[in-house]
Amino acid sequence: MALDKQQYKNQQEDMKKRMEGLSVIGQLAAGLAHEIRNPLTAVRGFIQLSAKESESLKQWENIIVAELDRVNQLVNDFLHLAQNRPVAKKEWLVQQVLEDVIILLQTKALLLGHEIQVETLDCKYPIYVDKQQFQQVFINIIQNALDALPKEGGTVKIYCRDDLDHIHICIEDNGQGIPKDKLKQIFEPFYTTKEEGTGLGLPICYRIVKENQGEIQVTSEIGVGTTFTISLPKQRVEEY
């Protein structure tokens, strides 16, 4: 019992530190985003115009523009952490939140030679969330799952199940898996194993889920794959 209490205390302290870190990043983002984005836009336009008149510059245009776009995406991720827009919570069925996301990413999966398999999504209990926020959560996690798959022939499975108090949405891939020593780091800001990653996608997911009284858990096995499970309370509008 004492060990369980200590584990719970440690988890709460870790969560507090993580949320404080995201908050600081958000405050920095609000101040810097405008100053960064304006010159980025100017430089991008200048490069594209100049490349039309310079053959030597034209060969580097795609690389330069791609890197500028990557910085711009980093700024966008910063802004997402900083935004304090009104949250439009409503009752949604899981399939209503996921259907547009699956349509969007199914095409990407097919182009990469992979498959998104949608299994049980017909949970009869609604979740009380901001649909747009949670679509972003699912886009981030499913895209990560697709990126983790082998060159072709990979599968991402999406399904949900429920227990007495919660609905659990699971996203499972048969990719390379995540080493145990890296699992604790994946929700930390700026941690990424991708060359073009910002390391902010999963921290954003973590923040959104926690702000909705939910939990996000990850299990993984090297060479077998990874499963993200998002657990949300069965709550109705009247309870708020």
Protein backbone atom coordinates (compact mmCIF):
# COMPACT_ATOMS: atom_id res chain seq x y z
CA MET A 1 0.00 0.00 0.00
CA ALA A 2 2.83 2.41 0.90
CA LEU A 3 4.53 1.61 -2.41
CA ASP A 4 1.32 2.30 -4.35
CA LYS A 5 0.94 5.68 -2.63
CA GLN A 6 4.54 6.58 -3.42
CA GLN A 7 4.10 5.56 -7.07
CA TYR A 8 0.96 7.68 -7.30
CA LYS A 9 2.78 10.63 -5.72
CA ASN A 10 5.67 10.24 -8.17
CA GLN A 11 3.26 10.08 -11.12
CA GLN A 12 1.48 13.23 -9.96
CA GLU A 13 4.79 15.06 -9.56
CA ASP A 14 5.92 13.94 -13.02
CA MET A 15 2.62 15.08 -14.52
CA LYS A 16 2.89 18.46 -12.76
CA LYS A 17 6.41 19.02 -14.09
CA ARG A 18 5.34 18.02 -17.58
CA MET A 19 2.35 20.38 -17.58
CA GLU A 20 4.48 23.21 -16.17
CA GLY A 21 6.98 22.63 -18.96
CA LEU A 22 4.25 22.83 -21.58
CA SER A 23 2.91 26.00 -19.99
CA VAL A 24 6.30 27.72 -20.12
CA ILE A 25 6.72 26.71 -23.76
CA GLY A 26 3.27 28.07 -24.52
CA GLN A 27 4.10 31.44 -22.96
CA LEU A 28 7.33 31.66 -24.95
CA ALA A 29 5.46 30.73 -28.11
CA ALA A 30 2.93 33.51 -27.74
CA GLY A 31 5.69 36.08 -27.56
CA LEU A 32 7.96 34.73 -30.28
CA ALA A 33 5.64 33.26 -32.91
CA HIS A 34 4.72 36.57 -34.54
CA GLU A 35 8.35 37.74 -34.66
CA ILE A 36 9.47 34.46 -36.24
CA ARG A 37 6.62 33.88 -38.69
CA ASN A 38 6.80 37.25 -40.50
CA PRO A 39 10.46 37.01 -41.58
CA LEU A 40 9.97 33.33 -42.46
CA THR A 41 7.19 34.25 -44.86
CA ALA A 42 9.32 37.00 -46.38
CA VAL A 43 12.37 34.76 -46.84
CA ARG A 44 10.26 31.96 -48.35
CA GLY A 45 8.74 34.34 -50.90
CA PHE A 46 12.13 35.85 -51.74
CA ILE A 47 13.68 32.41 -52.34
CA GLN A 48 10.85 31.34 -54.64
CA LEU A 49 11.00 34.56 -56.66
CA SER A 50 14.80 34.53 -56.89
CA ALA A 51 14.85 30.87 -57.96
CA LYS A 52 12.92 31.81 -61.10
CA GLU A 53 15.81 34.03 -62.21
CA SER A 54 18.76 32.03 -60.91
CA GLU A 55 19.59 28.52 -62.07
CA SER A 56 22.17 28.09 -59.29
CA LEU A 57 19.59 28.98 -56.64
CA LYS A 58 16.84 26.93 -58.28
CA GLN A 59 18.66 23.66 -57.54
CA TRP A 60 18.54 24.50 -53.83
CA GLU A 61 15.02 25.95 -53.79
CA ASN A 62 13.19 22.79 -52.68
CA ILE A 63 15.61 22.11 -49.84
CA ILE A 64 15.52 25.69 -48.54
CA VAL A 65 11.73 25.96 -48.78
CA ALA A 66 11.28 22.59 -47.07
CA GLU A 67 13.48 23.70 -44.17
CA LEU A 68 11.61 27.00 -43.86
CA ASP A 69 8.33 25.07 -43.84
CA ARG A 70 9.69 22.84 -41.08
CA VAL A 71 10.50 25.88 -38.94
CA ASN A 72 7.03 27.25 -39.68
CA GLN A 73 5.51 23.95 -38.52
CA LEU A 74 7.50 24.23 -35.31
CA VAL A 75 6.02 27.71 -34.78
CA ASN A 76 2.53 26.32 -35.45
CA ASP A 77 3.10 23.62 -32.84
CA PHE A 78 4.26 26.26 -30.39
CA LEU A 79 1.11 28.25 -31.04
CA HIS A 80 -1.03 25.19 -30.48
CA LEU A 81 0.49 24.88 -27.01
CA ALA A 82 0.00 28.59 -26.36
CA GLN A 83 -3.55 28.90 -27.64
CA ASN A 84 -6.19 29.51 -25.06
CA ARG A 85 -9.14 29.50 -27.45
CA PRO A 86 -12.63 28.72 -26.15
CA VAL A 87 -13.18 24.99 -25.89
CA ALA A 88 -16.32 23.82 -27.70
CA LYS A 89 -17.20 20.67 -25.78
CA LYS A 90 -20.15 18.57 -26.86
CA GLU A 91 -21.25 14.97 -26.67
CA TRP A 92 -19.76 12.99 -29.53
CA LEU A 93 -19.70 9.32 -30.36
CA VAL A 94 -16.17 8.02 -30.95
CA GLN A 95 -16.92 7.23 -34.59
CA GLN A 96 -18.11 10.81 -35.17
CA VAL A 97 -14.78 12.18 -33.98
CA LEU A 98 -12.69 9.66 -35.90
CA GLU A 99 -14.49 9.33 -39.25
CA ASP A 100 -12.98 12.43 -40.91
CA VAL A 101 -9.53 11.62 -39.51
CA ILE A 102 -9.63 8.10 -40.96
CA ILE A 103 -10.76 9.37 -44.38
CA LEU A 104 -7.91 11.90 -44.33
CA LEU A 105 -5.18 9.42 -43.37
CA GLN A 106 -6.43 6.36 -45.25
CA THR A 107 -5.17 7.90 -48.50
CA LYS A 108 -1.73 8.53 -47.03
CA ALA A 109 -1.61 4.95 -45.74
CA LEU A 110 -2.47 3.51 -49.17
CA LEU A 111 0.15 5.65 -50.89
CA LEU A 112 2.75 4.29 -48.47
CA GLY A 113 1.61 0.71 -49.06
CA HIS A 114 0.00 0.36 -45.64
CA GLU A 115 -3.50 -0.25 -44.35
CA ILE A 116 -5.64 1.34 -41.68
CA GLN A 117 -8.03 -1.23 -40.25
CA VAL A 118 -11.02 0.15 -38.38
CA GLU A 119 -12.42 -2.46 -36.04
CA THR A 120 -14.98 -1.79 -33.28
CA LEU A 121 -15.89 1.89 -33.03
CA ASP A 122 -19.56 1.49 -32.18
CA CYS A 123 -19.31 2.39 -28.49
CA LYS A 124 -22.84 3.45 -27.57
CA TYR A 125 -21.71 5.88 -24.86
CA PRO A 126 -20.62 9.38 -25.95
CA ILE A 127 -17.54 11.25 -24.86
CA TYR A 128 -17.75 14.92 -23.87
CA VAL A 129 -14.91 16.67 -25.72
CA ASP A 130 -13.93 19.39 -28.18
CA LYS A 131 -14.13 17.51 -31.50
CA GLN A 132 -11.48 19.61 -33.24
CA GLN A 133 -8.99 19.14 -30.41
CA PHE A 134 -9.40 15.38 -30.36
CA GLN A 135 -9.21 15.07 -34.11
CA GLN A 136 -5.78 16.69 -33.79
CA VAL A 137 -4.87 14.14 -31.11
CA PHE A 138 -5.86 11.23 -33.33
CA ILE A 139 -4.15 12.70 -36.41
CA ASN A 140 -0.87 13.03 -34.48
CA ILE A 141 -0.99 9.50 -33.08
CA ILE A 142 -2.12 7.77 -36.28
CA GLN A 143 0.49 9.61 -38.35
CA ASN A 144 3.16 8.53 -35.87
CA ALA A 145 1.91 4.96 -36.18
CA LEU A 146 2.14 5.13 -39.99
CA ASP A 147 5.67 6.56 -39.75
CA ALA A 148 6.72 3.67 -37.50
CA LEU A 149 5.64 0.98 -39.99
CA PRO A 150 8.03 -0.93 -42.26
CA LYS A 151 8.50 0.27 -45.85
CA GLU A 152 5.30 -1.41 -47.01
CA GLY A 153 2.70 -3.90 -45.84
CA GLY A 154 2.21 -2.37 -42.39
CA THR A 155 -1.08 -2.14 -40.52
CA VAL A 156 -2.60 0.36 -38.11
CA LYS A 157 -5.63 -0.93 -36.20
CA ILE A 158 -8.13 1.40 -34.56
CA TYR A 159 -10.72 0.11 -32.11
CA CYS A 160 -12.48 1.05 -28.91
CA ARG A 161 -13.77 -0.74 -25.86
CA ASP A 162 -15.42 0.40 -22.68
CA ASP A 163 -15.66 -0.53 -19.03
CA LEU A 164 -17.87 0.74 -16.24
CA ASP A 165 -16.59 4.34 -16.24
CA HIS A 166 -14.41 4.87 -19.29
CA ILE A 167 -14.17 4.53 -23.04
CA HIS A 168 -10.78 3.38 -24.32
CA ILE A 169 -9.71 4.24 -27.88
CA CYS A 170 -6.77 2.13 -29.04
CA ILE A 171 -4.41 2.79 -31.95
CA GLU A 172 -2.18 -0.20 -32.60
CA ASP A 173 0.60 -0.59 -35.16
CA ASN A 174 2.87 -3.47 -36.12
CA GLY A 175 5.90 -1.24 -36.55
CA GLN A 176 9.39 -1.32 -35.10
CA GLY A 177 8.37 -0.63 -31.50
CA ILE A 178 9.80 1.80 -28.95
CA PRO A 179 12.64 0.84 -26.59
CA LYS A 180 11.62 0.76 -22.92
CA ASP A 181 14.12 3.44 -21.96
CA LYS A 182 12.55 5.81 -24.51
CA LEU A 183 8.90 5.31 -23.50
CA LYS A 184 9.14 7.73 -20.56
CA GLN A 185 10.47 10.46 -22.85
CA ILE A 186 7.96 10.44 -25.68
CA PHE A 187 5.63 12.98 -24.03
CA GLU A 188 8.44 15.39 -23.20
CA PRO A 189 8.59 18.58 -25.31
CA PHE A 190 11.17 18.43 -28.12
CA TYR A 191 11.90 14.74 -27.72
CA THR A 192 11.81 13.10 -31.14
CA THR A 193 13.54 10.36 -33.08
CA LYS A 194 12.45 11.78 -36.45
CA GLU A 195 14.86 13.86 -38.51
CA GLU A 196 12.06 16.27 -39.44
CA GLY A 197 10.06 16.03 -36.22
CA THR A 198 9.44 18.96 -33.86
CA GLY A 199 8.95 16.82 -30.75
CA LEU A 200 5.74 18.70 -29.89
CA GLY A 201 3.02 16.47 -31.38
CA LEU A 202 2.75 14.01 -28.50
CA PRO A 203 3.11 16.66 -25.76
CA ILE A 204 0.14 18.43 -27.37
CA CYS A 205 -1.81 15.15 -27.31
CA TYR A 206 -0.87 14.60 -23.69
CA ARG A 207 -2.01 18.06 -22.65
CA ILE A 208 -5.37 17.79 -24.44
CA VAL A 209 -6.16 14.37 -23.01
CA LYS A 210 -5.20 15.37 -19.45
CA GLU A 211 -7.26 18.55 -19.67
CA ASN A 212 -10.26 16.34 -20.43
CA GLN A 213 -9.75 14.18 -17.33
CA GLY A 214 -8.40 11.41 -19.53
CA GLU A 215 -5.35 9.19 -19.59
CA ILE A 216 -3.00 8.30 -22.43
CA GLN A 217 -0.94 5.14 -22.11
CA VAL A 218 1.60 3.47 -24.37
CA THR A 219 2.71 -0.14 -24.55
CA SER A 220 5.38 -1.26 -26.97
CA GLU A 221 7.53 -4.23 -27.89
CA ILE A 222 10.54 -4.06 -30.17
CA GLY A 223 9.86 -5.81 -33.47
CA VAL A 224 6.18 -6.28 -32.64
CA GLY A 225 4.65 -2.81 -32.47
CA THR A 226 3.12 -0.10 -30.32
CA THR A 227 -0.33 0.60 -28.90
CA PHE A 228 -1.56 3.99 -27.74
CA THR A 229 -4.65 3.86 -25.52
CA ILE A 230 -6.65 7.00 -24.81
CA SER A 231 -9.09 6.58 -21.93
CA LEU A 232 -11.87 9.12 -21.46
CA PRO A 233 -14.64 9.24 -18.87
CA LYS A 234 -18.21 8.46 -19.82
CA GLN A 235 -19.69 11.84 -19.05
CA ARG A 236 -22.71 13.75 -20.24
CA VAL A 237 -23.28 17.46 -20.58
CA GLU A 238 -25.69 17.46 -17.65
CA GLU A 239 -22.84 16.43 -15.36
CA TYR A 240 -21.04 19.72 -15.96
